[in-house]
N, C-alpha and C. Protein backbone atom coordinates (compact mmCIF):
# COMPACT_ATOMS: atom_id res chain seq x y z
N UNK A 1 0.82 -1.20 0.00
CA UNK A 1 0.00 0.00 0.00
C UNK A 1 0.86 1.27 0.00
N UNK A 2 2.00 1.22 0.66
CA UNK A 2 2.88 2.39 0.73
C UNK A 2 3.35 2.81 -0.65
N UNK A 3 3.66 1.84 -1.51
CA UNK A 3 4.13 2.16 -2.86
C UNK A 3 3.04 2.88 -3.65
N UNK A 4 1.79 2.52 -3.44
CA UNK A 4 0.68 3.18 -4.14
C UNK A 4 0.51 4.60 -3.65
N UNK A 5 0.74 4.84 -2.37
CA UNK A 5 0.67 6.19 -1.83
C UNK A 5 1.79 7.05 -2.41
N UNK A 6 2.98 6.47 -2.48
CA UNK A 6 4.12 7.17 -3.09
C UNK A 6 3.80 7.50 -4.55
N UNK A 7 3.20 6.56 -5.25
CA UNK A 7 2.85 6.78 -6.65
C UNK A 7 1.79 7.88 -6.78
N UNK A 8 0.83 7.90 -5.88
CA UNK A 8 -0.19 8.96 -5.89
C UNK A 8 0.47 10.33 -5.73
N UNK A 9 1.36 10.45 -4.77
CA UNK A 9 2.05 11.72 -4.54
C UNK A 9 2.91 12.09 -5.76
N UNK A 10 3.56 11.10 -6.35
CA UNK A 10 4.35 11.35 -7.57
C UNK A 10 3.46 11.91 -8.67
N UNK A 11 2.28 11.34 -8.83
CA UNK A 11 1.35 11.82 -9.85
C UNK A 11 0.87 13.23 -9.57
N UNK A 12 0.67 13.56 -8.32
CA UNK A 12 0.26 14.92 -7.96
C UNK A 12 1.38 15.92 -8.24
N UNK A 13 2.62 15.51 -7.98
CA UNK A 13 3.75 16.38 -8.33
C UNK A 13 3.88 16.53 -9.84
N UNK A 14 3.47 15.51 -10.59
CA UNK A 14 3.46 15.65 -12.04
C UNK A 14 2.50 16.76 -12.46
N UNK A 15 1.35 16.81 -11.82
CA UNK A 15 0.39 17.88 -12.11
C UNK A 15 0.95 19.24 -11.74
N UNK A 16 1.69 19.31 -10.63
CA UNK A 16 2.31 20.59 -10.23
C UNK A 16 3.25 21.08 -11.31
N UNK A 17 4.11 20.19 -11.83
CA UNK A 17 5.04 20.69 -12.84
C UNK A 17 4.35 20.96 -14.18
N UNK A 18 3.32 20.19 -14.49
CA UNK A 18 2.60 20.45 -15.74
C UNK A 18 1.93 21.82 -15.70
N UNK A 19 1.27 22.13 -14.59
CA UNK A 19 0.65 23.45 -14.42
C UNK A 19 1.74 24.52 -14.34
N UNK A 20 2.83 24.19 -13.66
CA UNK A 20 3.94 25.13 -13.54
C UNK A 20 4.49 25.59 -14.87
N UNK A 21 4.44 24.72 -15.86
CA UNK A 21 4.95 25.09 -17.18
C UNK A 21 4.24 26.33 -17.73
N UNK A 22 2.95 26.47 -17.42
CA UNK A 22 2.20 27.63 -17.89
C UNK A 22 2.71 28.92 -17.26
N UNK A 23 3.29 28.81 -16.08
CA UNK A 23 3.76 29.99 -15.36
C UNK A 23 5.24 30.32 -15.64
N UNK A 24 5.97 29.39 -16.25
CA UNK A 24 7.40 29.63 -16.47
C UNK A 24 7.68 30.58 -17.63
N UNK A 25 6.69 30.76 -18.50
CA UNK A 25 6.86 31.61 -19.69
C UNK A 25 8.12 31.19 -20.45
N UNK A 26 8.15 29.91 -20.79
CA UNK A 26 9.30 29.38 -21.53
C UNK A 26 10.56 29.34 -20.69
N UNK A 27 10.41 29.13 -19.39
CA UNK A 27 11.51 29.10 -18.43
C UNK A 27 12.25 30.43 -18.34
N UNK A 28 11.51 31.51 -18.55
CA UNK A 28 12.09 32.85 -18.38
C UNK A 28 11.73 33.46 -17.04
N UNK A 29 10.79 32.84 -16.31
CA UNK A 29 10.40 33.31 -14.98
C UNK A 29 11.12 32.46 -13.94
N UNK A 30 12.09 33.02 -13.25
CA UNK A 30 12.95 32.23 -12.36
C UNK A 30 12.22 31.45 -11.27
N UNK A 31 11.34 32.07 -10.53
CA UNK A 31 10.69 31.37 -9.41
C UNK A 31 9.82 30.24 -9.93
N UNK A 32 9.00 30.52 -10.92
CA UNK A 32 8.13 29.49 -11.49
C UNK A 32 8.97 28.37 -12.10
N UNK A 33 10.08 28.71 -12.70
CA UNK A 33 10.95 27.71 -13.32
C UNK A 33 11.57 26.80 -12.27
N UNK A 34 12.03 27.36 -11.16
CA UNK A 34 12.63 26.56 -10.09
C UNK A 34 11.59 25.64 -9.48
N UNK A 35 10.39 26.17 -9.22
CA UNK A 35 9.32 25.34 -8.65
C UNK A 35 8.96 24.21 -9.60
N UNK A 36 8.84 24.53 -10.88
CA UNK A 36 8.48 23.52 -11.89
C UNK A 36 9.56 22.44 -11.99
N UNK A 37 10.80 22.84 -12.09
CA UNK A 37 11.89 21.86 -12.19
C UNK A 37 12.00 21.03 -10.91
N UNK A 38 11.79 21.66 -9.76
CA UNK A 38 11.80 20.91 -8.50
C UNK A 38 10.68 19.88 -8.45
N UNK A 39 9.49 20.28 -8.90
CA UNK A 39 8.37 19.35 -8.92
C UNK A 39 8.64 18.19 -9.88
N UNK A 40 9.29 18.49 -11.01
CA UNK A 40 9.67 17.43 -11.95
C UNK A 40 10.59 16.42 -11.27
N UNK A 41 11.59 16.94 -10.58
CA UNK A 41 12.56 16.06 -9.92
C UNK A 41 11.90 15.20 -8.85
N UNK A 42 11.06 15.81 -8.03
CA UNK A 42 10.37 15.06 -6.97
C UNK A 42 9.46 14.00 -7.59
N UNK A 43 8.74 14.37 -8.62
CA UNK A 43 7.81 13.45 -9.27
C UNK A 43 8.53 12.22 -9.82
N UNK A 44 9.61 12.45 -10.53
CA UNK A 44 10.35 11.33 -11.13
C UNK A 44 11.03 10.49 -10.04
N UNK A 45 11.56 11.14 -9.01
CA UNK A 45 12.18 10.40 -7.91
C UNK A 45 11.15 9.48 -7.23
N UNK A 46 9.97 10.03 -6.95
CA UNK A 46 8.94 9.22 -6.30
C UNK A 46 8.46 8.09 -7.21
N UNK A 47 8.36 8.36 -8.51
CA UNK A 47 8.01 7.30 -9.46
C UNK A 47 9.06 6.18 -9.39
N UNK A 48 10.32 6.56 -9.34
CA UNK A 48 11.40 5.57 -9.26
C UNK A 48 11.28 4.73 -7.99
N UNK A 49 10.86 5.36 -6.90
CA UNK A 49 10.67 4.61 -5.65
C UNK A 49 9.49 3.64 -5.78
N UNK A 50 8.42 4.10 -6.41
CA UNK A 50 7.22 3.26 -6.55
C UNK A 50 7.48 2.04 -7.42
N UNK A 51 8.30 2.18 -8.46
CA UNK A 51 8.52 1.04 -9.36
C UNK A 51 9.37 -0.05 -8.74
N UNK A 52 9.85 0.18 -7.55
CA UNK A 52 10.54 -0.90 -6.84
C UNK A 52 9.55 -1.96 -6.37
N UNK A 53 8.27 -1.57 -6.24
CA UNK A 53 7.24 -2.50 -5.76
C UNK A 53 6.09 -2.71 -6.74
N UNK A 54 5.91 -1.78 -7.65
CA UNK A 54 4.81 -1.83 -8.62
C UNK A 54 5.41 -2.04 -10.00
N UNK A 55 4.83 -2.90 -10.82
CA UNK A 55 5.36 -3.10 -12.17
C UNK A 55 5.49 -1.76 -12.91
N UNK A 56 6.60 -1.58 -13.61
CA UNK A 56 6.90 -0.29 -14.22
C UNK A 56 5.82 0.16 -15.21
N UNK A 57 5.29 -0.74 -16.00
CA UNK A 57 4.24 -0.36 -16.96
C UNK A 57 3.00 0.14 -16.26
N UNK A 58 2.62 -0.53 -15.20
CA UNK A 58 1.47 -0.12 -14.41
C UNK A 58 1.75 1.21 -13.73
N UNK A 59 2.90 1.32 -13.08
CA UNK A 59 3.23 2.54 -12.35
C UNK A 59 3.28 3.74 -13.28
N UNK A 60 3.89 3.58 -14.44
CA UNK A 60 4.00 4.71 -15.37
C UNK A 60 2.62 5.14 -15.87
N UNK A 61 1.79 4.18 -16.20
CA UNK A 61 0.44 4.50 -16.69
C UNK A 61 -0.38 5.20 -15.60
N UNK A 62 -0.29 4.71 -14.38
CA UNK A 62 -1.03 5.32 -13.27
C UNK A 62 -0.48 6.72 -12.99
N UNK A 63 0.83 6.87 -13.00
CA UNK A 63 1.49 8.16 -12.76
C UNK A 63 1.02 9.20 -13.77
N UNK A 64 1.06 8.84 -15.03
CA UNK A 64 0.63 9.79 -16.05
C UNK A 64 -0.88 10.04 -15.97
N UNK A 65 -1.64 9.01 -15.60
CA UNK A 65 -3.08 9.17 -15.46
C UNK A 65 -3.43 10.14 -14.35
N UNK A 66 -2.78 9.97 -13.20
CA UNK A 66 -3.02 10.89 -12.08
C UNK A 66 -2.64 12.30 -12.48
N UNK A 67 -1.50 12.43 -13.14
CA UNK A 67 -1.07 13.75 -13.59
C UNK A 67 -2.03 14.35 -14.60
N UNK A 68 -2.51 13.54 -15.53
CA UNK A 68 -3.43 14.04 -16.56
C UNK A 68 -4.76 14.48 -15.97
N UNK A 69 -5.32 13.66 -15.10
CA UNK A 69 -6.61 14.00 -14.49
C UNK A 69 -6.47 15.25 -13.62
N UNK A 70 -5.44 15.29 -12.80
CA UNK A 70 -5.24 16.44 -11.92
C UNK A 70 -4.99 17.72 -12.73
N UNK A 71 -4.19 17.61 -13.77
CA UNK A 71 -3.90 18.77 -14.61
C UNK A 71 -5.14 19.25 -15.34
N UNK A 72 -5.95 18.33 -15.84
CA UNK A 72 -7.18 18.72 -16.53
C UNK A 72 -8.14 19.45 -15.57
N UNK A 73 -8.26 18.93 -14.36
CA UNK A 73 -9.14 19.57 -13.38
C UNK A 73 -8.60 20.95 -12.99
N UNK A 74 -7.30 21.03 -12.72
CA UNK A 74 -6.71 22.31 -12.37
C UNK A 74 -6.79 23.31 -13.52
N UNK A 75 -6.68 22.82 -14.75
CA UNK A 75 -6.79 23.69 -15.91
C UNK A 75 -8.14 24.39 -15.98
N UNK A 76 -9.18 23.68 -15.57
CA UNK A 76 -10.52 24.28 -15.54
C UNK A 76 -10.56 25.41 -14.52
N UNK A 77 -10.02 25.15 -13.33
CA UNK A 77 -10.09 26.15 -12.26
C UNK A 77 -9.10 27.29 -12.42
N UNK A 78 -7.91 27.00 -12.88
CA UNK A 78 -6.88 28.03 -12.96
C UNK A 78 -6.87 28.80 -14.27
N UNK A 79 -7.24 28.14 -15.36
CA UNK A 79 -7.10 28.76 -16.67
C UNK A 79 -8.41 28.85 -17.44
N UNK A 80 -9.50 28.57 -16.76
CA UNK A 80 -10.82 28.68 -17.39
C UNK A 80 -10.96 27.80 -18.62
N UNK A 81 -10.34 26.62 -18.58
CA UNK A 81 -10.46 25.69 -19.70
C UNK A 81 -11.90 25.17 -19.77
N UNK A 82 -12.35 24.77 -20.95
CA UNK A 82 -13.76 24.39 -21.11
C UNK A 82 -14.14 23.13 -20.33
N UNK A 83 -15.41 23.10 -19.93
CA UNK A 83 -15.98 21.94 -19.25
C UNK A 83 -17.18 21.49 -20.07
N UNK A 84 -17.22 20.19 -20.36
CA UNK A 84 -18.37 19.64 -21.06
C UNK A 84 -18.59 18.22 -20.54
N UNK A 85 -19.77 17.70 -20.83
CA UNK A 85 -20.06 16.33 -20.40
C UNK A 85 -19.07 15.35 -21.02
N UNK A 86 -18.72 15.56 -22.28
CA UNK A 86 -17.77 14.67 -22.95
C UNK A 86 -16.40 14.74 -22.29
N UNK A 87 -15.96 15.93 -21.97
CA UNK A 87 -14.65 16.10 -21.32
C UNK A 87 -14.64 15.42 -19.95
N UNK A 88 -15.70 15.62 -19.17
CA UNK A 88 -15.81 14.98 -17.86
C UNK A 88 -15.84 13.46 -18.02
N UNK A 89 -16.57 12.97 -19.02
CA UNK A 89 -16.63 11.54 -19.29
C UNK A 89 -15.26 10.96 -19.61
N UNK A 90 -14.50 11.70 -20.39
CA UNK A 90 -13.15 11.22 -20.73
C UNK A 90 -12.24 11.19 -19.52
N UNK A 91 -12.34 12.19 -18.66
CA UNK A 91 -11.56 12.19 -17.42
C UNK A 91 -11.96 10.99 -16.56
N UNK A 92 -13.25 10.73 -16.48
CA UNK A 92 -13.71 9.57 -15.70
C UNK A 92 -13.19 8.25 -16.27
N UNK A 93 -13.07 8.16 -17.59
CA UNK A 93 -12.50 6.95 -18.20
C UNK A 93 -11.05 6.75 -17.75
N UNK A 94 -10.31 7.84 -17.65
CA UNK A 94 -8.92 7.74 -17.17
C UNK A 94 -8.91 7.24 -15.73
N UNK A 95 -9.80 7.79 -14.90
CA UNK A 95 -9.89 7.37 -13.50
C UNK A 95 -10.22 5.88 -13.41
N UNK A 96 -11.16 5.42 -14.21
CA UNK A 96 -11.52 3.99 -14.23
C UNK A 96 -10.31 3.16 -14.66
N UNK A 97 -9.58 3.63 -15.64
CA UNK A 97 -8.37 2.92 -16.10
C UNK A 97 -7.31 2.84 -15.01
N UNK A 98 -7.12 3.94 -14.27
CA UNK A 98 -6.17 3.93 -13.16
C UNK A 98 -6.59 2.89 -12.12
N UNK A 99 -7.86 2.89 -11.77
CA UNK A 99 -8.35 1.91 -10.80
C UNK A 99 -8.18 0.50 -11.30
N UNK A 100 -8.48 0.25 -12.56
CA UNK A 100 -8.32 -1.08 -13.14
C UNK A 100 -6.88 -1.54 -13.12
N UNK A 101 -5.96 -0.65 -13.43
CA UNK A 101 -4.54 -1.02 -13.40
C UNK A 101 -4.09 -1.35 -11.97
N UNK A 102 -4.58 -0.60 -11.01
CA UNK A 102 -4.21 -0.86 -9.62
C UNK A 102 -4.74 -2.22 -9.18
N UNK A 103 -5.97 -2.52 -9.51
CA UNK A 103 -6.60 -3.77 -9.08
C UNK A 103 -5.93 -4.98 -9.75
N UNK A 104 -5.50 -4.83 -10.98
CA UNK A 104 -4.96 -5.96 -11.73
C UNK A 104 -3.45 -6.05 -11.73
N UNK A 105 -2.77 -5.15 -10.99
CA UNK A 105 -1.32 -5.12 -11.08
C UNK A 105 -0.62 -6.28 -10.40
N UNK A 106 -1.27 -6.86 -9.43
CA UNK A 106 -0.64 -7.95 -8.71
C UNK A 106 0.35 -7.47 -7.66
N UNK A 107 0.54 -6.15 -7.57
CA UNK A 107 1.45 -5.58 -6.57
C UNK A 107 0.64 -4.81 -5.56
N UNK A 108 0.59 -5.29 -4.37
CA UNK A 108 -0.18 -4.63 -3.32
C UNK A 108 0.74 -4.29 -2.15
N UNK A 109 1.92 -3.79 -2.46
CA UNK A 109 2.91 -3.49 -1.43
C UNK A 109 2.52 -2.27 -0.62
């Protein structure tokens, strides 16, 4: 279970750096750039820790899924990105896929 928690946090840090990219202005904004690069490093480090117990294909897919869902939701709130039933449905499909990968991974560390 600990590895899944680490993977969850890694995925959330992925969302931090993905959103951070919008604030770096092409890495010309120093503070935003440092925060974004730091979040990248933490995210990848935590992913590396999680793959010690979770199959790498599963961990990578879940990591990117958590990052994608979190980034899409934050994009709506922070950047006024569009919301539609289809968009919400697609996000829910990613969530279902993440859950399915967790259940079928065979790694419950």
